[in-house]
């Protein structure tokens, strides 16, 4: 993803990044928080793969971890928070802080993909907020060749006669990140991630990503 400004540690400044789904996302640093085996940020429960990235125990791990990489993956699910930990690990979530705060100096590990960025430490999360400036905007694109694999359903289907009706249903739900509108079948598939599940990857229809 293209970085529009550089994000630094120990700052309250918000920066705008463009995620791998193409959506603009504002990233703001929150603070250093405690983690343990139960995990504080559990948004990827049930997910085993997002695109090219494997997920294990709610965790995306990469030797090339950066703030941009983690925020881009978490933005695919519209999550409001993400954290980076121990140089290489990324978590997404709808809440944070359940295990308590930590001293800022505890989050002193650098990111594996960018030595100028801090990525928490052992059992310490550097937590960030994600906001989405234009959630009423939809962009029509080709169906992504990347998919989401999960033991839990990542979409739901409703009847819709026209595209506008389908998009309105997505706009009304915080969980909806994209839609596939099948005009012939008059069906609207509402996706919890900006990538379709493998079961819908060959569906004939128009694909829209939410801003």
N, C-alpha and C. Protein backbone atom coordinates (compact mmCIF):
# COMPACT_ATOMS: atom_id res chain seq x y z
N UNK A 1 0.81 -1.20 0.00
CA UNK A 1 0.00 0.00 0.00
C UNK A 1 0.85 1.25 0.00
N UNK A 2 0.32 2.32 -0.60
CA UNK A 2 1.06 3.58 -0.66
C UNK A 2 0.87 4.36 0.62
N UNK A 3 1.95 4.83 1.19
CA UNK A 3 1.89 5.60 2.43
C UNK A 3 1.92 7.07 2.07
N UNK A 4 0.94 7.84 2.54
CA UNK A 4 0.86 9.25 2.19
C UNK A 4 1.67 10.13 3.13
N UNK A 5 1.83 9.71 4.36
CA UNK A 5 2.66 10.42 5.32
C UNK A 5 3.35 9.40 6.20
N UNK A 6 4.43 9.80 6.84
CA UNK A 6 5.14 8.87 7.72
C UNK A 6 4.54 8.93 9.11
N UNK A 7 4.28 7.76 9.68
CA UNK A 7 3.74 7.70 11.04
C UNK A 7 4.87 7.45 12.02
N UNK A 8 4.94 8.18 13.07
CA UNK A 8 6.01 8.03 14.04
C UNK A 8 5.46 7.54 15.36
N UNK A 9 6.34 7.02 16.18
CA UNK A 9 5.96 6.48 17.49
C UNK A 9 5.80 7.62 18.50
N UNK A 10 4.99 7.37 19.54
CA UNK A 10 4.71 8.38 20.57
C UNK A 10 4.15 9.66 19.95
N UNK A 11 3.12 9.52 19.13
CA UNK A 11 2.52 10.70 18.50
C UNK A 11 1.01 10.57 18.52
N UNK A 12 0.33 11.69 18.56
CA UNK A 12 -1.11 11.70 18.48
C UNK A 12 -1.58 12.12 17.10
N UNK A 13 -0.63 12.36 16.20
CA UNK A 13 -1.01 12.76 14.86
C UNK A 13 -1.68 11.61 14.13
N UNK A 14 -2.72 11.93 13.37
CA UNK A 14 -3.37 10.94 12.53
C UNK A 14 -2.81 11.04 11.12
N UNK A 15 -2.67 9.90 10.47
CA UNK A 15 -2.17 9.88 9.11
C UNK A 15 -3.15 9.11 8.24
N UNK A 16 -3.10 9.37 6.95
CA UNK A 16 -3.98 8.73 6.00
C UNK A 16 -3.19 7.73 5.18
N UNK A 17 -3.67 6.49 5.14
CA UNK A 17 -3.04 5.48 4.31
C UNK A 17 -4.07 4.94 3.34
N UNK A 18 -3.58 4.36 2.25
CA UNK A 18 -4.45 3.70 1.28
C UNK A 18 -4.23 2.20 1.44
N UNK A 19 -5.29 1.49 1.79
CA UNK A 19 -5.16 0.07 2.10
C UNK A 19 -5.06 -0.76 0.84
N UNK A 20 -4.78 -2.05 1.01
CA UNK A 20 -4.66 -2.95 -0.12
C UNK A 20 -6.00 -3.17 -0.81
N UNK A 21 -7.08 -2.77 -0.17
CA UNK A 21 -8.39 -2.85 -0.82
C UNK A 21 -8.70 -1.57 -1.60
N UNK A 22 -7.83 -0.56 -1.47
CA UNK A 22 -8.03 0.70 -2.16
C UNK A 22 -8.77 1.74 -1.34
N UNK A 23 -9.23 1.39 -0.14
CA UNK A 23 -9.97 2.34 0.68
C UNK A 23 -9.01 3.23 1.48
N UNK A 24 -9.38 4.49 1.60
CA UNK A 24 -8.59 5.42 2.39
C UNK A 24 -8.91 5.22 3.86
N UNK A 25 -7.88 5.16 4.69
CA UNK A 25 -8.05 4.86 6.11
C UNK A 25 -7.18 5.78 6.94
N UNK A 26 -7.75 6.36 7.98
CA UNK A 26 -6.99 7.22 8.88
C UNK A 26 -6.48 6.40 10.06
N UNK A 27 -5.19 6.52 10.34
CA UNK A 27 -4.54 5.73 11.40
C UNK A 27 -4.05 6.66 12.50
N UNK A 28 -4.40 6.35 13.75
CA UNK A 28 -3.96 7.15 14.89
C UNK A 28 -3.42 6.24 15.99
N UNK A 29 -2.28 6.58 16.54
CA UNK A 29 -1.70 5.79 17.63
C UNK A 29 -2.46 6.02 18.92
N UNK A 30 -2.75 4.95 19.67
CA UNK A 30 -3.47 5.04 20.94
C UNK A 30 -2.54 4.85 22.13
N UNK A 31 -1.79 3.73 22.15
CA UNK A 31 -0.91 3.51 23.29
C UNK A 31 -0.44 2.07 23.37
N UNK A 32 0.27 1.78 24.47
CA UNK A 32 0.86 0.46 24.71
C UNK A 32 -0.02 -0.31 25.70
N UNK A 33 -0.37 -1.54 25.35
CA UNK A 33 -1.31 -2.32 26.16
C UNK A 33 -0.81 -3.75 26.37
N UNK A 34 -1.27 -4.33 27.46
CA UNK A 34 -0.88 -5.69 27.84
C UNK A 34 -1.63 -6.71 26.97
N UNK A 35 -0.96 -7.81 26.67
CA UNK A 35 -1.60 -8.94 26.00
C UNK A 35 -1.20 -10.23 26.71
N UNK A 36 -1.96 -11.31 26.46
CA UNK A 36 -1.56 -12.63 26.95
C UNK A 36 -2.11 -13.69 26.01
N UNK A 37 -2.07 -14.95 26.40
CA UNK A 37 -2.46 -16.05 25.51
C UNK A 37 -3.91 -15.96 25.05
N UNK A 38 -4.78 -15.33 25.81
CA UNK A 38 -6.19 -15.23 25.42
C UNK A 38 -6.39 -14.18 24.34
N UNK A 39 -5.50 -13.27 24.19
CA UNK A 39 -5.46 -12.19 23.20
C UNK A 39 -6.50 -11.11 23.48
N UNK A 40 -6.02 -9.88 23.44
CA UNK A 40 -6.88 -8.71 23.66
C UNK A 40 -7.69 -8.39 22.41
N UNK A 41 -7.06 -8.41 21.24
CA UNK A 41 -7.74 -8.11 19.98
C UNK A 41 -8.01 -9.44 19.26
N UNK A 42 -9.30 -9.80 19.16
CA UNK A 42 -9.68 -11.13 18.65
C UNK A 42 -10.59 -11.04 17.43
N UNK A 43 -10.44 -9.98 16.66
CA UNK A 43 -11.34 -9.77 15.53
C UNK A 43 -11.24 -10.81 14.43
N UNK A 44 -10.11 -11.49 14.34
CA UNK A 44 -9.93 -12.49 13.28
C UNK A 44 -10.28 -13.90 13.75
N UNK A 45 -11.15 -14.00 14.75
CA UNK A 45 -11.60 -15.30 15.23
C UNK A 45 -12.19 -16.12 14.08
N UNK A 46 -11.72 -17.34 13.92
CA UNK A 46 -12.23 -18.22 12.88
C UNK A 46 -11.58 -18.06 11.52
N UNK A 47 -10.90 -16.94 11.29
CA UNK A 47 -10.29 -16.68 9.99
C UNK A 47 -8.96 -17.41 9.89
N UNK A 48 -8.75 -18.11 8.79
CA UNK A 48 -7.49 -18.83 8.58
C UNK A 48 -6.64 -18.23 7.48
N UNK A 49 -7.25 -17.42 6.61
CA UNK A 49 -6.49 -16.78 5.54
C UNK A 49 -7.22 -15.53 5.06
N UNK A 50 -6.47 -14.47 4.82
CA UNK A 50 -6.97 -13.27 4.16
C UNK A 50 -6.03 -12.99 3.00
N UNK A 51 -6.50 -13.24 1.78
CA UNK A 51 -5.63 -13.06 0.62
C UNK A 51 -4.42 -13.95 0.71
N UNK A 52 -3.24 -13.36 0.64
CA UNK A 52 -1.99 -14.12 0.69
C UNK A 52 -1.52 -14.42 2.10
N UNK A 53 -2.21 -13.89 3.12
CA UNK A 53 -1.73 -13.99 4.49
C UNK A 53 -2.46 -15.09 5.27
N UNK A 54 -1.68 -15.95 5.90
CA UNK A 54 -2.24 -16.97 6.79
C UNK A 54 -2.50 -16.37 8.16
N UNK A 55 -3.59 -16.78 8.78
CA UNK A 55 -3.96 -16.32 10.12
C UNK A 55 -3.98 -17.52 11.04
N UNK A 56 -3.32 -17.41 12.19
CA UNK A 56 -3.30 -18.49 13.16
C UNK A 56 -3.52 -17.92 14.55
N UNK A 57 -4.55 -18.43 15.23
CA UNK A 57 -4.88 -17.95 16.59
C UNK A 57 -5.03 -16.43 16.62
N UNK A 58 -5.87 -15.90 15.72
CA UNK A 58 -6.19 -14.47 15.61
C UNK A 58 -5.02 -13.64 15.12
N UNK A 59 -3.90 -14.26 14.75
CA UNK A 59 -2.65 -13.54 14.51
C UNK A 59 -2.21 -13.64 13.06
N UNK A 60 -1.87 -12.49 12.47
CA UNK A 60 -1.19 -12.45 11.19
C UNK A 60 0.28 -12.17 11.49
N UNK A 61 1.15 -13.05 11.05
CA UNK A 61 2.58 -12.89 11.31
C UNK A 61 3.34 -12.71 10.01
N UNK A 62 4.28 -11.78 10.00
CA UNK A 62 5.09 -11.52 8.81
C UNK A 62 6.44 -10.97 9.23
N UNK A 63 7.50 -11.47 8.60
CA UNK A 63 8.83 -10.92 8.85
C UNK A 63 8.95 -9.49 8.35
N UNK A 64 8.02 -9.08 7.47
CA UNK A 64 8.02 -7.74 6.90
C UNK A 64 6.94 -6.86 7.52
N UNK A 65 6.58 -7.11 8.77
CA UNK A 65 5.50 -6.39 9.42
C UNK A 65 5.79 -4.89 9.51
N UNK A 66 4.78 -4.09 9.19
CA UNK A 66 4.81 -2.63 9.36
C UNK A 66 3.43 -2.19 9.83
N UNK A 67 3.34 -0.93 10.26
CA UNK A 67 2.03 -0.37 10.60
C UNK A 67 1.11 -0.40 9.38
N UNK A 68 1.67 -0.10 8.20
CA UNK A 68 0.86 -0.04 6.99
C UNK A 68 0.31 -1.42 6.62
N UNK A 69 1.13 -2.43 6.75
CA UNK A 69 0.69 -3.78 6.42
C UNK A 69 -0.45 -4.22 7.34
N UNK A 70 -0.28 -4.04 8.63
CA UNK A 70 -1.30 -4.46 9.59
C UNK A 70 -2.59 -3.66 9.40
N UNK A 71 -2.48 -2.35 9.23
CA UNK A 71 -3.68 -1.53 9.06
C UNK A 71 -4.41 -1.88 7.77
N UNK A 72 -3.67 -2.19 6.72
CA UNK A 72 -4.30 -2.54 5.45
C UNK A 72 -5.10 -3.82 5.55
N UNK A 73 -4.53 -4.83 6.20
CA UNK A 73 -5.25 -6.10 6.35
C UNK A 73 -6.47 -5.92 7.24
N UNK A 74 -6.31 -5.21 8.36
CA UNK A 74 -7.44 -5.02 9.27
C UNK A 74 -8.54 -4.17 8.64
N UNK A 75 -8.16 -3.24 7.76
CA UNK A 75 -9.17 -2.42 7.10
C UNK A 75 -10.03 -3.23 6.14
N UNK A 76 -9.54 -4.38 5.67
CA UNK A 76 -10.35 -5.24 4.81
C UNK A 76 -11.61 -5.70 5.54
N UNK A 77 -11.51 -5.80 6.86
CA UNK A 77 -12.66 -6.19 7.67
C UNK A 77 -13.35 -5.03 8.35
N UNK A 78 -12.92 -3.80 8.04
CA UNK A 78 -13.54 -2.62 8.63
C UNK A 78 -13.33 -2.50 10.12
N UNK A 79 -12.28 -3.12 10.63
CA UNK A 79 -12.06 -3.08 12.09
C UNK A 79 -11.65 -1.68 12.54
N UNK A 80 -12.11 -1.25 13.72
CA UNK A 80 -11.75 0.08 14.22
C UNK A 80 -10.40 0.14 14.91
N UNK A 81 -9.80 -1.03 15.21
CA UNK A 81 -8.51 -1.04 15.91
C UNK A 81 -7.60 -2.12 15.33
N UNK A 82 -6.30 -1.86 15.42
CA UNK A 82 -5.32 -2.90 15.14
C UNK A 82 -4.15 -2.73 16.09
N UNK A 83 -3.40 -3.81 16.27
CA UNK A 83 -2.20 -3.72 17.10
C UNK A 83 -1.08 -4.51 16.44
N UNK A 84 0.14 -4.11 16.77
CA UNK A 84 1.33 -4.83 16.33
C UNK A 84 2.11 -5.21 17.57
N UNK A 85 2.76 -6.40 17.51
CA UNK A 85 3.38 -6.95 18.71
C UNK A 85 4.63 -7.75 18.34
N UNK A 86 5.65 -7.61 19.18
CA UNK A 86 6.85 -8.45 19.11
C UNK A 86 7.44 -8.50 17.70
N UNK A 87 7.54 -7.34 17.06
CA UNK A 87 8.25 -7.17 15.79
C UNK A 87 7.50 -7.66 14.56
N UNK A 88 6.73 -8.76 14.69
CA UNK A 88 6.24 -9.45 13.50
C UNK A 88 4.75 -9.76 13.49
N UNK A 89 4.01 -9.41 14.54
CA UNK A 89 2.64 -9.91 14.68
C UNK A 89 1.61 -8.78 14.62
N UNK A 90 0.46 -9.11 14.01
CA UNK A 90 -0.60 -8.14 13.78
C UNK A 90 -1.93 -8.71 14.25
N UNK A 91 -2.73 -7.87 14.91
CA UNK A 91 -4.05 -8.26 15.39
C UNK A 91 -5.07 -7.19 14.99
N UNK A 92 -6.31 -7.62 14.75
CA UNK A 92 -7.41 -6.72 14.44
C UNK A 92 -8.48 -6.87 15.51
N UNK A 93 -9.24 -5.81 15.76
CA UNK A 93 -10.27 -5.94 16.78
C UNK A 93 -11.30 -4.82 16.77
N UNK A 94 -12.40 -5.08 17.45
CA UNK A 94 -13.46 -4.08 17.62
C UNK A 94 -13.35 -3.39 18.98
N UNK A 95 -12.41 -3.85 19.81
CA UNK A 95 -12.16 -3.23 21.11
C UNK A 95 -10.72 -3.52 21.49
N UNK A 96 -10.27 -2.88 22.56
CA UNK A 96 -8.90 -3.09 23.04
C UNK A 96 -8.84 -2.73 24.52
N UNK A 97 -7.75 -3.13 25.18
CA UNK A 97 -7.52 -2.70 26.55
C UNK A 97 -8.11 -3.58 27.62
N UNK A 98 -8.65 -4.75 27.27
CA UNK A 98 -9.30 -5.61 28.26
C UNK A 98 -8.31 -6.18 29.27
N UNK A 99 -7.01 -6.19 28.93
CA UNK A 99 -6.00 -6.75 29.81
C UNK A 99 -5.15 -5.68 30.49
N UNK A 100 -5.52 -4.43 30.28
CA UNK A 100 -4.85 -3.34 30.97
C UNK A 100 -3.81 -2.62 30.13
N UNK A 101 -3.39 -1.47 30.64
CA UNK A 101 -2.39 -0.66 29.96
C UNK A 101 -0.99 -1.08 30.38
N UNK A 102 -0.01 -0.68 29.58
CA UNK A 102 1.39 -0.93 29.89
C UNK A 102 2.16 0.38 29.75
N UNK A 103 3.35 0.44 30.31
CA UNK A 103 4.18 1.62 30.14
C UNK A 103 4.57 1.77 28.68
N UNK A 104 4.61 3.00 28.22
CA UNK A 104 4.99 3.25 26.82
C UNK A 104 6.36 2.66 26.51
N UNK A 105 7.24 2.69 27.47
CA UNK A 105 8.60 2.18 27.24
C UNK A 105 8.63 0.66 27.05
N UNK A 106 7.51 -0.01 27.43
CA UNK A 106 7.44 -1.46 27.22
C UNK A 106 7.33 -1.81 25.74
N UNK A 107 6.71 -0.94 24.96
CA UNK A 107 6.51 -1.19 23.53
C UNK A 107 7.71 -0.67 22.75
N UNK A 108 8.84 -1.33 22.95
CA UNK A 108 10.10 -0.82 22.39
C UNK A 108 10.67 -1.69 21.28
N UNK A 109 9.87 -2.63 20.76
CA UNK A 109 10.36 -3.48 19.68
C UNK A 109 10.10 -2.85 18.33
N UNK A 110 11.08 -2.91 17.44
CA UNK A 110 10.90 -2.32 16.11
C UNK A 110 10.17 -3.30 15.20
N UNK A 111 9.53 -2.77 14.17
CA UNK A 111 8.81 -3.61 13.21
C UNK A 111 9.79 -4.32 12.28
N UNK A 112 9.49 -5.58 11.98
CA UNK A 112 10.37 -6.36 11.13
C UNK A 112 10.56 -5.77 9.75
N UNK A 113 9.54 -5.05 9.25
CA UNK A 113 9.63 -4.48 7.91
C UNK A 113 9.99 -3.02 7.87
N UNK A 114 10.15 -2.38 9.04
CA UNK A 114 10.50 -0.96 9.08
C UNK A 114 11.11 -0.65 10.44
N UNK A 115 12.42 -0.54 10.49
CA UNK A 115 13.13 -0.31 11.75
C UNK A 115 12.85 1.03 12.37
N UNK A 116 12.17 1.94 11.64
CA UNK A 116 11.82 3.25 12.18
C UNK A 116 10.47 3.24 12.89
N UNK A 117 9.76 2.11 12.84
CA UNK A 117 8.46 1.99 13.49
C UNK A 117 8.54 1.03 14.67
N UNK A 118 7.74 1.33 15.70
CA UNK A 118 7.67 0.47 16.87
C UNK A 118 6.54 -0.54 16.72
N UNK A 119 6.83 -1.78 17.03
CA UNK A 119 5.84 -2.86 16.93
C UNK A 119 5.75 -3.61 18.26
N UNK A 120 5.38 -2.88 19.32
CA UNK A 120 5.15 -3.50 20.61
C UNK A 120 6.36 -4.21 21.17
N UNK A 121 6.13 -5.33 21.82
CA UNK A 121 7.19 -6.17 22.39
C UNK A 121 6.53 -7.49 22.79
N UNK A 122 7.26 -8.33 23.50
CA UNK A 122 6.69 -9.60 23.94
C UNK A 122 5.50 -9.35 24.88
N UNK A 123 4.32 -9.81 24.49
CA UNK A 123 3.08 -9.63 25.23
C UNK A 123 2.73 -8.15 25.47
N UNK A 124 3.17 -7.31 24.55
CA UNK A 124 2.83 -5.89 24.59
C UNK A 124 2.37 -5.44 23.20
N UNK A 125 1.18 -4.84 23.16
CA UNK A 125 0.60 -4.36 21.91
C UNK A 125 0.77 -2.86 21.75
N UNK A 126 1.30 -2.45 20.61
CA UNK A 126 1.17 -1.06 20.19
C UNK A 126 -0.17 -0.96 19.47
N UNK A 127 -1.13 -0.23 20.05
CA UNK A 127 -2.50 -0.21 19.56
C UNK A 127 -2.77 1.08 18.78
N UNK A 128 -3.48 0.94 17.67
CA UNK A 128 -3.83 2.05 16.80
C UNK A 128 -5.33 2.03 16.50
N UNK A 129 -5.88 3.22 16.25
CA UNK A 129 -7.28 3.34 15.81
C UNK A 129 -7.33 3.49 14.30
N UNK A 130 -8.35 2.90 13.70
CA UNK A 130 -8.62 3.03 12.27
C UNK A 130 -9.96 3.72 12.08
N UNK A 131 -9.99 4.77 11.28
CA UNK A 131 -11.25 5.40 10.92
C UNK A 131 -11.34 5.46 9.40
N UNK A 132 -12.57 5.48 8.91
CA UNK A 132 -12.83 5.40 7.48
C UNK A 132 -13.59 6.66 7.07
N UNK A 133 -12.93 7.59 6.38
CA UNK A 133 -13.52 8.92 6.14
C UNK A 133 -14.83 8.94 5.38
N UNK A 134 -15.06 8.02 4.44
CA UNK A 134 -16.25 8.11 3.60
C UNK A 134 -16.92 6.75 3.48
N UNK A 135 -17.69 6.37 4.49
CA UNK A 135 -18.33 5.06 4.52
C UNK A 135 -19.56 5.00 3.61
N UNK A 136 -19.98 6.14 3.05
CA UNK A 136 -21.14 6.14 2.16
C UNK A 136 -20.72 6.01 0.70
N UNK A 137 -19.43 5.91 0.47
CA UNK A 137 -18.91 5.82 -0.89
C UNK A 137 -18.67 4.36 -1.26
N UNK A 138 -19.07 3.97 -2.47
CA UNK A 138 -18.82 2.64 -2.98
C UNK A 138 -18.12 2.72 -4.33
N UNK A 139 -17.14 1.86 -4.52
CA UNK A 139 -16.41 1.81 -5.78
C UNK A 139 -16.64 0.46 -6.44
N UNK A 140 -17.08 0.48 -7.69
CA UNK A 140 -17.27 -0.77 -8.42
C UNK A 140 -15.94 -1.20 -9.03
N UNK A 141 -15.54 -2.44 -8.77
CA UNK A 141 -14.28 -2.96 -9.27
C UNK A 141 -14.50 -4.39 -9.76
N UNK A 142 -13.45 -4.95 -10.37
CA UNK A 142 -13.49 -6.36 -10.71
C UNK A 142 -13.47 -7.20 -9.44
N UNK A 143 -14.04 -8.38 -9.53
CA UNK A 143 -14.01 -9.28 -8.38
C UNK A 143 -12.56 -9.59 -8.01
N UNK A 144 -12.15 -9.38 -6.75
CA UNK A 144 -10.77 -9.67 -6.37
C UNK A 144 -10.41 -11.13 -6.57
N UNK A 145 -9.17 -11.39 -6.95
CA UNK A 145 -8.72 -12.78 -7.03
C UNK A 145 -8.24 -13.29 -5.68
N UNK A 146 -8.23 -12.41 -4.66
CA UNK A 146 -7.92 -12.79 -3.29
C UNK A 146 -9.22 -13.12 -2.56
N UNK A 147 -9.17 -14.09 -1.67
CA UNK A 147 -10.37 -14.50 -0.94
C UNK A 147 -10.09 -14.57 0.56
N UNK A 148 -11.16 -14.76 1.33
CA UNK A 148 -11.08 -14.96 2.77
C UNK A 148 -11.51 -16.38 3.10
N UNK A 149 -10.73 -17.06 3.93
CA UNK A 149 -11.10 -18.39 4.39
C UNK A 149 -11.36 -18.33 5.90
N UNK A 150 -12.50 -18.89 6.31
CA UNK A 150 -12.88 -18.81 7.72
C UNK A 150 -13.80 -19.96 8.07
N UNK A 151 -13.74 -20.39 9.32
CA UNK A 151 -14.66 -21.41 9.80
C UNK A 151 -16.02 -20.80 10.12
N UNK A 152 -16.10 -19.48 10.17
CA UNK A 152 -17.35 -18.78 10.39
C UNK A 152 -17.77 -18.08 9.11
N UNK A 153 -19.05 -17.90 8.92
CA UNK A 153 -19.55 -17.25 7.71
C UNK A 153 -19.06 -15.81 7.64
N UNK A 154 -18.60 -15.41 6.47
CA UNK A 154 -18.12 -14.03 6.29
C UNK A 154 -19.03 -13.25 5.33
N UNK A 155 -20.26 -13.73 5.13
CA UNK A 155 -21.22 -12.99 4.31
C UNK A 155 -22.64 -13.41 4.66
N UNK A 156 -23.60 -12.59 4.25
CA UNK A 156 -25.00 -12.96 4.33
C UNK A 156 -25.69 -12.45 3.07
N UNK A 157 -26.81 -13.07 2.73
CA UNK A 157 -27.47 -12.80 1.45
C UNK A 157 -28.90 -12.31 1.67
N UNK A 158 -29.28 -11.27 0.91
CA UNK A 158 -30.65 -10.74 0.96
C UNK A 158 -31.16 -10.54 -0.46
N UNK A 159 -32.46 -10.49 -0.61
CA UNK A 159 -33.05 -10.21 -1.91
C UNK A 159 -32.90 -8.73 -2.22
N UNK A 160 -32.59 -8.42 -3.48
CA UNK A 160 -32.46 -7.03 -3.92
C UNK A 160 -32.77 -6.96 -5.41
N UNK A 161 -33.66 -6.06 -5.79
CA UNK A 161 -34.06 -5.95 -7.19
C UNK A 161 -33.08 -5.12 -8.01
N UNK A 162 -32.46 -4.12 -7.38
CA UNK A 162 -31.55 -3.23 -8.10
C UNK A 162 -30.28 -3.00 -7.27
N UNK A 163 -29.23 -2.49 -7.93
CA UNK A 163 -27.95 -2.26 -7.25
C UNK A 163 -28.10 -1.30 -6.08
N UNK A 164 -28.87 -0.25 -6.29
CA UNK A 164 -29.00 0.77 -5.25
C UNK A 164 -29.55 0.17 -3.96
N UNK A 165 -30.50 -0.76 -4.09
CA UNK A 165 -31.06 -1.42 -2.92
C UNK A 165 -30.01 -2.24 -2.19
N UNK A 166 -29.16 -2.91 -2.96
CA UNK A 166 -28.07 -3.71 -2.39
C UNK A 166 -27.09 -2.82 -1.64
N UNK A 167 -26.70 -1.71 -2.26
CA UNK A 167 -25.73 -0.80 -1.65
C UNK A 167 -26.30 -0.15 -0.40
N UNK A 168 -27.57 0.14 -0.40
CA UNK A 168 -28.20 0.74 0.78
C UNK A 168 -28.19 -0.22 1.96
N UNK A 169 -28.36 -1.52 1.69
CA UNK A 169 -28.30 -2.50 2.77
C UNK A 169 -26.90 -2.58 3.36
N UNK A 170 -25.89 -2.48 2.51
CA UNK A 170 -24.52 -2.50 3.00
C UNK A 170 -24.22 -1.25 3.82
N UNK A 171 -24.66 -0.11 3.32
CA UNK A 171 -24.42 1.15 4.03
C UNK A 171 -25.05 1.15 5.41
N UNK A 172 -26.17 0.44 5.56
CA UNK A 172 -26.89 0.42 6.84
C UNK A 172 -26.26 -0.50 7.86
N UNK A 173 -25.26 -1.31 7.44
CA UNK A 173 -24.64 -2.27 8.36
C UNK A 173 -23.16 -1.96 8.55
N UNK A 174 -22.75 -1.82 9.79
CA UNK A 174 -21.33 -1.58 10.08
C UNK A 174 -20.47 -2.78 9.72
N UNK A 175 -21.08 -3.97 9.65
CA UNK A 175 -20.33 -5.19 9.36
C UNK A 175 -20.06 -5.38 7.87
N UNK A 176 -20.75 -4.65 7.02
CA UNK A 176 -20.63 -4.85 5.58
C UNK A 176 -19.49 -4.01 5.01
N UNK A 177 -18.56 -4.68 4.31
CA UNK A 177 -17.40 -3.99 3.72
C UNK A 177 -17.44 -4.00 2.19
N UNK A 178 -18.24 -4.87 1.61
CA UNK A 178 -18.35 -4.96 0.15
C UNK A 178 -19.61 -5.75 -0.19
N UNK A 179 -20.02 -5.68 -1.45
CA UNK A 179 -21.19 -6.44 -1.88
C UNK A 179 -20.93 -7.06 -3.24
N UNK A 180 -21.63 -8.15 -3.49
CA UNK A 180 -21.75 -8.73 -4.82
C UNK A 180 -23.23 -8.70 -5.16
N UNK A 181 -23.58 -7.94 -6.20
CA UNK A 181 -24.98 -7.86 -6.62
C UNK A 181 -25.19 -8.71 -7.86
N UNK A 182 -26.05 -9.71 -7.74
CA UNK A 182 -26.39 -10.59 -8.86
C UNK A 182 -27.74 -10.16 -9.40
N UNK A 183 -27.70 -9.41 -10.50
CA UNK A 183 -28.94 -8.88 -11.07
C UNK A 183 -29.87 -9.94 -11.60
N UNK A 184 -29.33 -10.99 -12.21
CA UNK A 184 -30.17 -12.05 -12.76
C UNK A 184 -30.92 -12.79 -11.66
N UNK A 185 -30.25 -13.02 -10.56
CA UNK A 185 -30.88 -13.73 -9.44
C UNK A 185 -31.57 -12.80 -8.47
N UNK A 186 -31.30 -11.49 -8.64
CA UNK A 186 -31.85 -10.48 -7.74
C UNK A 186 -31.45 -10.77 -6.30
N UNK A 187 -30.15 -11.01 -6.13
CA UNK A 187 -29.60 -11.30 -4.81
C UNK A 187 -28.47 -10.33 -4.50
N UNK A 188 -28.37 -9.98 -3.24
CA UNK A 188 -27.30 -9.12 -2.74
C UNK A 188 -26.51 -9.89 -1.70
N UNK A 189 -25.25 -10.17 -2.00
CA UNK A 189 -24.35 -10.83 -1.05
C UNK A 189 -23.57 -9.74 -0.32
N UNK A 190 -23.75 -9.64 0.97
CA UNK A 190 -23.10 -8.61 1.78
C UNK A 190 -21.90 -9.24 2.50
N UNK A 191 -20.70 -8.69 2.26
CA UNK A 191 -19.46 -9.31 2.70
C UNK A 191 -18.90 -8.62 3.94
N UNK A 192 -18.43 -9.41 4.88
CA UNK A 192 -17.82 -8.86 6.09
C UNK A 192 -16.37 -8.42 5.86
N UNK A 193 -15.79 -8.84 4.76
CA UNK A 193 -14.45 -8.41 4.37
C UNK A 193 -14.52 -7.87 2.94
N UNK A 194 -13.54 -7.05 2.57
CA UNK A 194 -13.50 -6.50 1.22
C UNK A 194 -12.99 -7.51 0.21
N UNK A 195 -12.70 -8.73 0.66
CA UNK A 195 -12.44 -9.87 -0.22
C UNK A 195 -13.60 -10.85 -0.06
N UNK A 196 -14.00 -11.52 -1.14
CA UNK A 196 -15.10 -12.48 -1.02
C UNK A 196 -14.62 -13.79 -0.40
N UNK A 197 -15.54 -14.54 0.19
CA UNK A 197 -15.18 -15.91 0.59
C UNK A 197 -14.98 -16.75 -0.66
N UNK A 198 -14.22 -17.82 -0.54
CA UNK A 198 -13.93 -18.67 -1.70
C UNK A 198 -15.21 -19.18 -2.35
N UNK A 199 -16.26 -19.42 -1.56
CA UNK A 199 -17.50 -19.96 -2.08
C UNK A 199 -18.23 -19.00 -3.01
N UNK A 200 -17.89 -17.70 -2.95
CA UNK A 200 -18.53 -16.70 -3.81
C UNK A 200 -17.58 -16.13 -4.86
N UNK A 201 -16.36 -16.62 -4.91
CA UNK A 201 -15.35 -16.01 -5.79
C UNK A 201 -15.68 -16.13 -7.27
N UNK A 202 -16.53 -17.12 -7.63
CA UNK A 202 -16.90 -17.28 -9.04
C UNK A 202 -18.34 -16.83 -9.30
N UNK A 203 -18.93 -16.14 -8.34
CA UNK A 203 -20.30 -15.66 -8.49
C UNK A 203 -20.40 -14.62 -9.60
N UNK A 204 -21.42 -14.76 -10.45
CA UNK A 204 -21.65 -13.81 -11.53
C UNK A 204 -22.40 -12.60 -10.97
N UNK A 205 -21.75 -11.44 -10.93
CA UNK A 205 -22.40 -10.26 -10.40
C UNK A 205 -21.45 -9.07 -10.38
N UNK A 206 -21.98 -7.95 -9.93
CA UNK A 206 -21.20 -6.71 -9.84
C UNK A 206 -20.63 -6.59 -8.43
N UNK A 207 -19.34 -6.27 -8.35
CA UNK A 207 -18.64 -6.19 -7.07
C UNK A 207 -18.40 -4.74 -6.70
N UNK A 208 -18.78 -4.36 -5.48
CA UNK A 208 -18.60 -3.00 -4.97
C UNK A 208 -17.87 -3.06 -3.63
N UNK A 209 -16.86 -2.20 -3.47
CA UNK A 209 -16.14 -2.07 -2.21
C UNK A 209 -16.58 -0.78 -1.52
N UNK A 210 -16.83 -0.87 -0.24
CA UNK A 210 -17.24 0.29 0.54
C UNK A 210 -16.05 1.19 0.86
N UNK A 211 -16.26 2.49 0.82
CA UNK A 211 -15.19 3.43 1.09
C UNK A 211 -14.75 3.44 2.54
